[in-house]
C-alpha atoms as a PDB file:
ATOM      1  CA  UNK A   1     175.465-284.736  -5.304  1.00  0.00           C
ATOM      2  CA  UNK A   2     171.883-283.694  -5.900  1.00  0.00           C
ATOM      3  CA  UNK A   3     170.185-284.522  -9.186  1.00  0.00           C
ATOM      4  CA  UNK A   4     169.824-280.822  -9.988  1.00  0.00           C
ATOM      5  CA  UNK A   5     173.504-280.127  -9.335  1.00  0.00           C
ATOM      6  CA  UNK A   6     174.503-283.152 -11.429  1.00  0.00           C
ATOM      7  CA  UNK A   7     172.400-281.911 -14.372  1.00  0.00           C
ATOM      8  CA  UNK A   8     173.895-278.441 -14.046  1.00  0.00           C
ATOM      9  CA  UNK A   9     177.442-279.869 -14.057  1.00  0.00           C
ATOM     10  CA  UNK A  10     176.626-282.040 -17.083  1.00  0.00           C
ATOM     11  CA  UNK A  11     175.214-279.113 -19.070  1.00  0.00           C
ATOM     12  CA  UNK A  12     178.144-276.916 -18.048  1.00  0.00           C
ATOM     13  CA  UNK A  13     180.659-279.485 -19.344  1.00  0.00           C
ATOM     14  CA  UNK A  14     178.747-279.745 -22.633  1.00  0.00           C
ATOM     15  CA  UNK A  15     178.516-275.955 -23.009  1.00  0.00           C
ATOM     16  CA  UNK A  16     182.226-275.441 -22.269  1.00  0.00           C
ATOM     17  CA  UNK A  17     183.242-278.095 -24.783  1.00  0.00           C
ATOM     18  CA  UNK A  18     180.950-276.583 -27.438  1.00  0.00           C
ATOM     19  CA  UNK A  19     182.594-273.204 -26.782  1.00  0.00           C
ATOM     20  CA  UNK A  20     186.096-274.696 -27.013  1.00  0.00           C
ATOM     21  CA  UNK A  21     185.188-276.395 -30.269  1.00  0.00           C
ATOM     22  CA  UNK A  22     183.875-273.113 -31.685  1.00  0.00           C
ATOM     23  CA  UNK A  23     187.068-271.287 -30.703  1.00  0.00           C
ATOM     24  CA  UNK A  24     189.329-274.047 -32.036  1.00  0.00           C
ATOM     25  CA  UNK A  25     187.711-273.765 -35.473  1.00  0.00           C
ATOM     26  CA  UNK A  26     189.253-270.305 -35.822  1.00  0.00           C
ATOM     27  CA  UNK A  27     192.789-271.601 -35.296  1.00  0.00           C
ATOM     28  CA  UNK A  28     193.596-272.763 -38.818  1.00  0.00           C
ATOM     29  CA  UNK A  29     196.399-272.977 -41.332  1.00  0.00           C
ATOM     30  CA  UNK A  30     195.023-272.875 -44.907  1.00  0.00           C
ATOM     31  CA  UNK A  31     196.620-275.280 -47.350  1.00  0.00           C
ATOM     32  CA  UNK A  32     196.857-274.119 -50.977  1.00  0.00           C
ATOM     33  CA  UNK A  33     196.363-277.659 -52.327  1.00  0.00           C
ATOM     34  CA  UNK A  34     193.403-278.631 -50.139  1.00  0.00           C
ATOM     35  CA  UNK A  35     189.839-277.473 -49.556  1.00  0.00           C
ATOM     36  CA  UNK A  36     190.354-278.200 -45.830  1.00  0.00           C
ATOM     37  CA  UNK A  37     192.706-276.228 -43.620  1.00  0.00           C
ATOM     38  CA  UNK A  38     194.741-277.634 -40.769  1.00  0.00           C
ATOM     39  CA  UNK A  39     192.677-276.870 -37.661  1.00  0.00           C
ATOM     40  CA  UNK A  40     193.093-277.254 -33.912  1.00  0.00           C
ATOM     41  CA  UNK A  41     189.593-278.701 -33.849  1.00  0.00           C
ATOM     42  CA  UNK A  42     190.639-282.356 -33.856  1.00  0.00           C
ATOM     43  CA  UNK A  43     192.263-281.844 -30.472  1.00  0.00           C
ATOM     44  CA  UNK A  44     188.998-280.544 -29.001  1.00  0.00           C
ATOM     45  CA  UNK A  45     186.905-283.220 -30.715  1.00  0.00           C
ATOM     46  CA  UNK A  46     189.103-285.828 -29.020  1.00  0.00           C
ATOM     47  CA  UNK A  47     188.683-284.092 -25.651  1.00  0.00           C
ATOM     48  CA  UNK A  48     184.907-284.149 -26.086  1.00  0.00           C
ATOM     49  CA  UNK A  49     185.092-287.924 -26.481  1.00  0.00           C
ATOM     50  CA  UNK A  50     187.492-288.349 -23.564  1.00  0.00           C
ATOM     51  CA  UNK A  51     185.614-286.143 -21.106  1.00  0.00           C
ATOM     52  CA  UNK A  52     181.988-287.028 -21.795  1.00  0.00           C
ATOM     53  CA  UNK A  53     179.913-290.196 -21.929  1.00  0.00           C
ATOM     54  CA  UNK A  54     178.944-291.280 -25.488  1.00  0.00           C
ATOM     55  CA  UNK A  55     175.476-289.693 -25.574  1.00  0.00           C
ATOM     56  CA  UNK A  56     176.703-286.359 -24.187  1.00  0.00           C
ATOM     57  CA  UNK A  57     179.654-286.353 -26.591  1.00  0.00           C
ATOM     58  CA  UNK A  58     177.320-286.835 -29.576  1.00  0.00           C
ATOM     59  CA  UNK A  59     174.907-284.182 -28.255  1.00  0.00           C
ATOM     60  CA  UNK A  60     177.836-281.765 -27.925  1.00  0.00           C
ATOM     61  CA  UNK A  61     178.806-282.209 -31.567  1.00  0.00           C
ATOM     62  CA  UNK A  62     175.191-282.044 -32.767  1.00  0.00           C
ATOM     63  CA  UNK A  63     174.673-278.803 -30.839  1.00  0.00           C
ATOM     64  CA  UNK A  64     177.873-277.396 -32.360  1.00  0.00           C
ATOM     65  CA  UNK A  65     176.643-278.337 -35.858  1.00  0.00           C
ATOM     66  CA  UNK A  66     173.227-276.820 -35.146  1.00  0.00           C
ATOM     67  CA  UNK A  67     174.805-273.546 -33.999  1.00  0.00           C
ATOM     68  CA  UNK A  68     176.833-273.400 -37.203  1.00  0.00           C
ATOM     69  CA  UNK A  69     173.977-274.352 -39.513  1.00  0.00           C
ATOM     70  CA  UNK A  70     171.776-271.526 -38.213  1.00  0.00           C
ATOM     71  CA  UNK A  71     174.462-269.024 -39.186  1.00  0.00           C
ATOM     72  CA  UNK A  72     176.738-268.487 -36.198  1.00  0.00           C
ATOM     73  CA  UNK A  73     180.289-268.444 -37.652  1.00  0.00           C
ATOM     74  CA  UNK A  74     181.709-271.414 -35.721  1.00  0.00           C
ATOM     75  CA  UNK A  75     183.029-273.631 -38.495  1.00  0.00           C
ATOM     76  CA  UNK A  76     186.639-273.566 -39.699  1.00  0.00           C
ATOM     77  CA  UNK A  77     187.867-270.097 -40.417  1.00  0.00           C
ATOM     78  CA  UNK A  78     184.670-268.443 -39.159  1.00  0.00           C
ATOM     79  CA  UNK A  79     182.326-269.959 -41.723  1.00  0.00           C
ATOM     80  CA  UNK A  80     178.749-271.075 -41.100  1.00  0.00           C
ATOM     81  CA  UNK A  81     175.502-272.166 -42.662  1.00  0.00           C
ATOM     82  CA  UNK A  82     174.106-275.144 -44.539  1.00  0.00           C
ATOM     83  CA  UNK A  83     176.430-274.417 -47.478  1.00  0.00           C
ATOM     84  CA  UNK A  84     179.412-275.373 -45.320  1.00  0.00           C
ATOM     85  CA  UNK A  85     177.797-278.516 -43.920  1.00  0.00           C
ATOM     86  CA  UNK A  86     176.587-279.740 -47.296  1.00  0.00           C
ATOM     87  CA  UNK A  87     179.635-278.498 -49.204  1.00  0.00           C
ATOM     88  CA  UNK A  88     182.841-280.377 -50.017  1.00  0.00           C
ATOM     89  CA  UNK A  89     184.321-280.308 -46.491  1.00  0.00           C
ATOM     90  CA  UNK A  90     181.167-280.692 -44.398  1.00  0.00           C
ATOM     91  CA  UNK A  91     181.619-284.450 -44.159  1.00  0.00           C
ATOM     92  CA  UNK A  92     184.472-284.021 -41.720  1.00  0.00           C
ATOM     93  CA  UNK A  93     182.218-282.060 -39.378  1.00  0.00           C
ATOM     94  CA  UNK A  94     179.304-284.520 -39.696  1.00  0.00           C
ATOM     95  CA  UNK A  95     181.739-287.312 -38.879  1.00  0.00           C
ATOM     96  CA  UNK A  96     182.614-285.663 -35.553  1.00  0.00           C
ATOM     97  CA  UNK A  97     179.298-286.956 -34.189  1.00  0.00           C
ATOM     98  CA  UNK A  98     180.075-290.610 -34.935  1.00  0.00           C
ATOM     99  CA  UNK A  99     183.743-290.216 -34.001  1.00  0.00           C
ATOM    100  CA  UNK A 100     183.111-288.805 -30.511  1.00  0.00           C
ATOM    101  CA  UNK A 101     180.387-291.340 -29.818  1.00  0.00           C
ATOM    102  CA  UNK A 102     182.582-294.294 -30.813  1.00  0.00           C
ATOM    103  CA  UNK A 103     185.694-292.947 -29.086  1.00  0.00           C
ATOM    104  CA  UNK A 104     183.769-292.276 -25.882  1.00  0.00           C
ATOM    105  CA  UNK A 105     182.294-295.754 -26.040  1.00  0.00           C
ATOM    106  CA  UNK A 106     185.740-297.352 -26.467  1.00  0.00           C
ATOM    107  CA  UNK A 107     187.811-295.219 -24.085  1.00  0.00           C
ATOM    108  CA  UNK A 108     187.116-297.397 -21.046  1.00  0.00           C
ATOM    109  CA  UNK A 109     185.926-296.456 -17.573  1.00  0.00           C
ATOM    110  CA  UNK A 110     189.329-295.424 -16.191  1.00  0.00           C
ATOM    111  CA  UNK A 111     191.837-293.045 -17.753  1.00  0.00           C
ATOM    112  CA  UNK A 112     194.673-294.686 -19.680  1.00  0.00           C
ATOM    113  CA  UNK A 113     196.999-292.566 -21.815  1.00  0.00           C
ATOM    114  CA  UNK A 114     197.818-295.507 -24.067  1.00  0.00           C
ATOM    115  CA  UNK A 115     194.182-296.537 -24.574  1.00  0.00           C
ATOM    116  CA  UNK A 116     193.000-292.953 -25.121  1.00  0.00           C
ATOM    117  CA  UNK A 117     195.769-292.385 -27.687  1.00  0.00           C
ATOM    118  CA  UNK A 118     194.943-295.611 -29.520  1.00  0.00           C
ATOM    119  CA  UNK A 119     191.213-294.869 -29.523  1.00  0.00           C
ATOM    120  CA  UNK A 120     191.821-291.403 -30.983  1.00  0.00           C
ATOM    121  CA  UNK A 121     194.305-292.561 -33.624  1.00  0.00           C
ATOM    122  CA  UNK A 122     192.657-295.862 -34.566  1.00  0.00           C
ATOM    123  CA  UNK A 123     188.979-294.889 -34.299  1.00  0.00           C
ATOM    124  CA  UNK A 124     188.587-291.098 -34.209  1.00  0.00           C
ATOM    125  CA  UNK A 125     190.890-290.119 -37.059  1.00  0.00           C
ATOM    126  CA  UNK A 126     189.686-292.832 -39.484  1.00  0.00           C
ATOM    127  CA  UNK A 127     186.000-292.092 -38.789  1.00  0.00           C
ATOM    128  CA  UNK A 128     186.509-288.350 -39.353  1.00  0.00           C
ATOM    129  CA  UNK A 129     188.524-288.967 -42.526  1.00  0.00           C
ATOM    130  CA  UNK A 130     185.935-291.437 -43.823  1.00  0.00           C
ATOM    131  CA  UNK A 131     183.093-288.937 -43.424  1.00  0.00           C
ATOM    132  CA  UNK A 132     185.218-286.209 -44.937  1.00  0.00           C
ATOM    133  CA  UNK A 133     186.422-288.073 -47.998  1.00  0.00           C
ATOM    134  CA  UNK A 134     183.016-289.530 -48.799  1.00  0.00           C
ATOM    135  CA  UNK A 135     181.416-286.084 -48.925  1.00  0.00           C
ATOM    136  CA  UNK A 136     184.451-284.524 -50.635  1.00  0.00           C
ATOM    137  CA  UNK A 137     184.331-287.200 -53.341  1.00  0.00           C
ATOM    138  CA  UNK A 138     180.547-286.969 -53.670  1.00  0.00           C
ATOM    139  CA  UNK A 139     180.496-283.188 -54.045  1.00  0.00           C
ATOM    140  CA  UNK A 140     183.610-282.606 -56.144  1.00  0.00           C
ATOM    141  CA  UNK A 141     183.761-285.856 -58.169  1.00  0.00           C
ATOM    142  CA  UNK A 142     187.558-285.678 -57.859  1.00  0.00           C
ATOM    143  CA  UNK A 143     189.367-288.959 -58.452  1.00  0.00           C
ATOM    144  CA  UNK A 144     189.913-291.009 -55.279  1.00  0.00           C
ATOM    145  CA  UNK A 145     193.657-290.417 -55.480  1.00  0.00           C
ATOM    146  CA  UNK A 146     193.118-286.643 -55.451  1.00  0.00           C
ATOM    147  CA  UNK A 147     190.602-286.923 -52.606  1.00  0.00           C
ATOM    148  CA  UNK A 148     193.108-288.818 -50.456  1.00  0.00           C
ATOM    149  CA  UNK A 149     196.045-286.603 -51.397  1.00  0.00           C
ATOM    150  CA  UNK A 150     194.165-283.396 -50.566  1.00  0.00           C
ATOM    151  CA  UNK A 151     191.779-284.559 -47.860  1.00  0.00           C
ATOM    152  CA  UNK A 152     193.708-287.133 -45.825  1.00  0.00           C
ATOM    153  CA  UNK A 153     197.454-287.433 -46.396  1.00  0.00           C
ATOM    154  CA  UNK A 154     198.505-283.879 -45.409  1.00  0.00           C
ATOM    155  CA  UNK A 155     196.609-284.117 -42.128  1.00  0.00           C
ATOM    156  CA  UNK A 156     197.753-287.494 -40.793  1.00  0.00           C
ATOM    157  CA  UNK A 157     200.959-286.489 -38.948  1.00  0.00           C
ATOM    158  CA  UNK A 158     199.517-283.491 -37.130  1.00  0.00           C
ATOM    159  CA  UNK A 159     196.242-285.284 -36.353  1.00  0.00           C
ATOM    160  CA  UNK A 160     198.239-288.040 -34.661  1.00  0.00           C
ATOM    161  CA  UNK A 161     200.099-285.420 -32.612  1.00  0.00           C
ATOM    162  CA  UNK A 162     196.816-283.686 -31.679  1.00  0.00           C
ATOM    163  CA  UNK A 163     195.292-287.030 -30.693  1.00  0.00           C
ATOM    164  CA  UNK A 164     198.211-287.858 -28.405  1.00  0.00           C
ATOM    165  CA  UNK A 165     198.160-284.349 -26.940  1.00  0.00           C
ATOM    166  CA  UNK A 166     194.423-284.678 -26.263  1.00  0.00           C
ATOM    167  CA  UNK A 167     195.058-288.014 -24.522  1.00  0.00           C
ATOM    168  CA  UNK A 168     197.676-286.332 -22.309  1.00  0.00           C
ATOM    169  CA  UNK A 169     195.451-283.311 -21.565  1.00  0.00           C
ATOM    170  CA  UNK A 170     192.566-285.610 -20.708  1.00  0.00           C
ATOM    171  CA  UNK A 171     194.330-286.958 -17.605  1.00  0.00           C
ATOM    172  CA  UNK A 172     193.957-283.855 -15.417  1.00  0.00           C
ATOM    173  CA  UNK A 173     190.662-282.912 -17.049  1.00  0.00           C
ATOM    174  CA  UNK A 174     189.088-286.328 -16.391  1.00  0.00           C
ATOM    175  CA  UNK A 175     189.823-285.836 -12.702  1.00  0.00           C
ATOM    176  CA  UNK A 176     188.185-282.404 -12.687  1.00  0.00           C
ATOM    177  CA  UNK A 177     185.161-283.542 -14.715  1.00  0.00           C
ATOM    178  CA  UNK A 178     184.539-286.572 -12.529  1.00  0.00           C
ATOM    179  CA  UNK A 179     185.090-284.606  -9.290  1.00  0.00           C
ATOM    180  CA  UNK A 180     187.955-286.850  -8.164  1.00  0.00           C
END
């Protein structure tokens, strides 16, 4: 494949994953006891890590954040702007950058459902939660118990399911993305 075609394919993958992430942020279930809604986004964040090399995965999330910061309504529930990123729940979004980079780094060179699932559950989810709770605590000054009960505990079961689903979806998508 020519260098030009390879670059075009790379940028196309990044652009499609940014678009999917933007769309997934609209698919939410608000929780009355939490500042964060349940969102489909974690599934797409995992796919970004599974389908792209580490640098491209991080660039994808940084581009998504940049689009949202400048005012395009791509964050959860159609929100945008610096207020969202530097508000109580922005830490989860910032953490996507580190999470996709680390997951992509640890996923291995060949697809493995078990390894992808473990990487998402044992690296991706904790990194995203860590970024989220640190900013939530810093902005709201809620007690740690309240931060964990509103910002982590309600999301664990479904995030595990979304991580496993992303690992399963990655199998056919890895083949397409690597032209196999």
